[in-house]
Amino acid sequence: MPKFYVTNESTEDTFGATDNLQEAIQIAKEVARTGQTGDLVLVESSEGKGVKQFVRTPDGSIAEKDVA
């Protein structure tokens, strides 16, 4: 079972699953980069806890947000 999942919180689509946190972060940043401005992309552990969260800003950059 993978340790991390990448999910777009707006669409609830899952974009990847991996055992490696750094790989999950890279996937999340790419999903945020190609998604809609303001859509939150979450790296979630297999236990269901949010680990990292990213968002595409209006200027097109990717920002890390605090996990709520």
Protein backbone atom coordinates (compact mmCIF):
# COMPACT_ATOMS: atom_id res chain seq x y z
CA MET A 1 0.00 0.00 0.00
CA PRO A 2 1.45 3.44 -0.94
CA LYS A 3 2.30 5.80 1.91
CA PHE A 4 1.24 9.05 0.17
CA TYR A 5 -1.60 10.11 -2.14
CA VAL A 6 -1.98 13.30 -4.19
CA THR A 7 -5.52 14.67 -4.43
CA ASN A 8 -7.09 17.79 -5.93
CA GLU A 9 -9.39 18.90 -3.12
CA SER A 10 -11.73 20.79 -5.48
CA THR A 11 -12.41 17.89 -7.83
CA GLU A 12 -11.59 15.08 -5.37
CA ASP A 13 -9.53 13.41 -8.12
CA THR A 14 -6.50 11.35 -7.04
CA PHE A 15 -3.47 11.93 -9.26
CA GLY A 16 -0.87 9.63 -7.82
CA ALA A 17 0.21 7.33 -5.05
CA THR A 18 3.77 6.65 -3.95
CA ASP A 19 5.91 5.49 -1.05
CA ASN A 20 8.22 8.49 -1.44
CA LEU A 21 7.27 11.88 0.03
CA GLN A 22 9.53 13.85 -2.33
CA GLU A 23 7.92 12.15 -5.34
CA ALA A 24 4.46 12.92 -3.95
CA ILE A 25 5.44 16.59 -3.55
CA GLN A 26 6.67 16.74 -7.14
CA ILE A 27 3.41 15.19 -8.40
CA ALA A 28 1.38 17.65 -6.29
CA LYS A 29 3.27 20.65 -7.63
CA GLU A 30 2.72 19.50 -11.23
CA VAL A 31 -1.00 18.94 -10.58
CA ALA A 32 -1.25 22.43 -9.05
CA ARG A 33 0.71 23.93 -11.97
CA THR A 34 -1.69 22.47 -14.55
CA GLY A 35 -4.87 23.00 -12.52
CA GLN A 36 -7.13 25.95 -11.96
CA THR A 37 -5.93 28.94 -9.97
CA GLY A 38 -6.93 28.47 -6.34
CA ASP A 39 -7.45 24.70 -6.48
CA LEU A 40 -5.81 23.09 -3.45
CA VAL A 41 -3.72 20.00 -4.08
CA LEU A 42 -3.09 17.83 -1.03
CA VAL A 43 -0.38 15.29 -0.26
CA GLU A 44 -2.07 12.95 2.17
CA SER A 45 -0.63 10.07 4.16
CA SER A 46 -2.17 6.61 3.94
CA GLU A 47 -3.55 7.28 7.44
CA GLY A 48 -5.62 10.14 5.99
CA LYS A 49 -3.57 13.00 7.44
CA GLY A 50 -2.64 15.97 5.28
CA VAL A 51 1.14 16.31 4.92
CA LYS A 52 1.63 19.14 2.39
CA GLN A 53 -0.75 21.36 0.43
CA PHE A 54 -0.08 23.41 -2.71
CA VAL A 55 -2.05 25.96 -4.72
CA ARG A 56 -1.56 27.76 -8.02
CA THR A 57 -1.62 31.51 -7.45
CA PRO A 58 -3.08 34.07 -9.91
CA ASP A 59 0.42 34.86 -11.22
CA GLY A 60 0.95 31.17 -12.10
CA SER A 61 3.41 30.32 -9.35
CA ILE A 62 2.93 27.44 -6.92
CA ALA A 63 2.66 28.22 -3.21
CA GLU A 64 2.73 25.86 -0.28
CA LYS A 65 -0.19 26.40 2.08
CA ASP A 66 -0.59 25.35 5.70
CA VAL A 67 -2.49 22.09 6.00
CA ALA A 68 -5.78 22.78 7.76
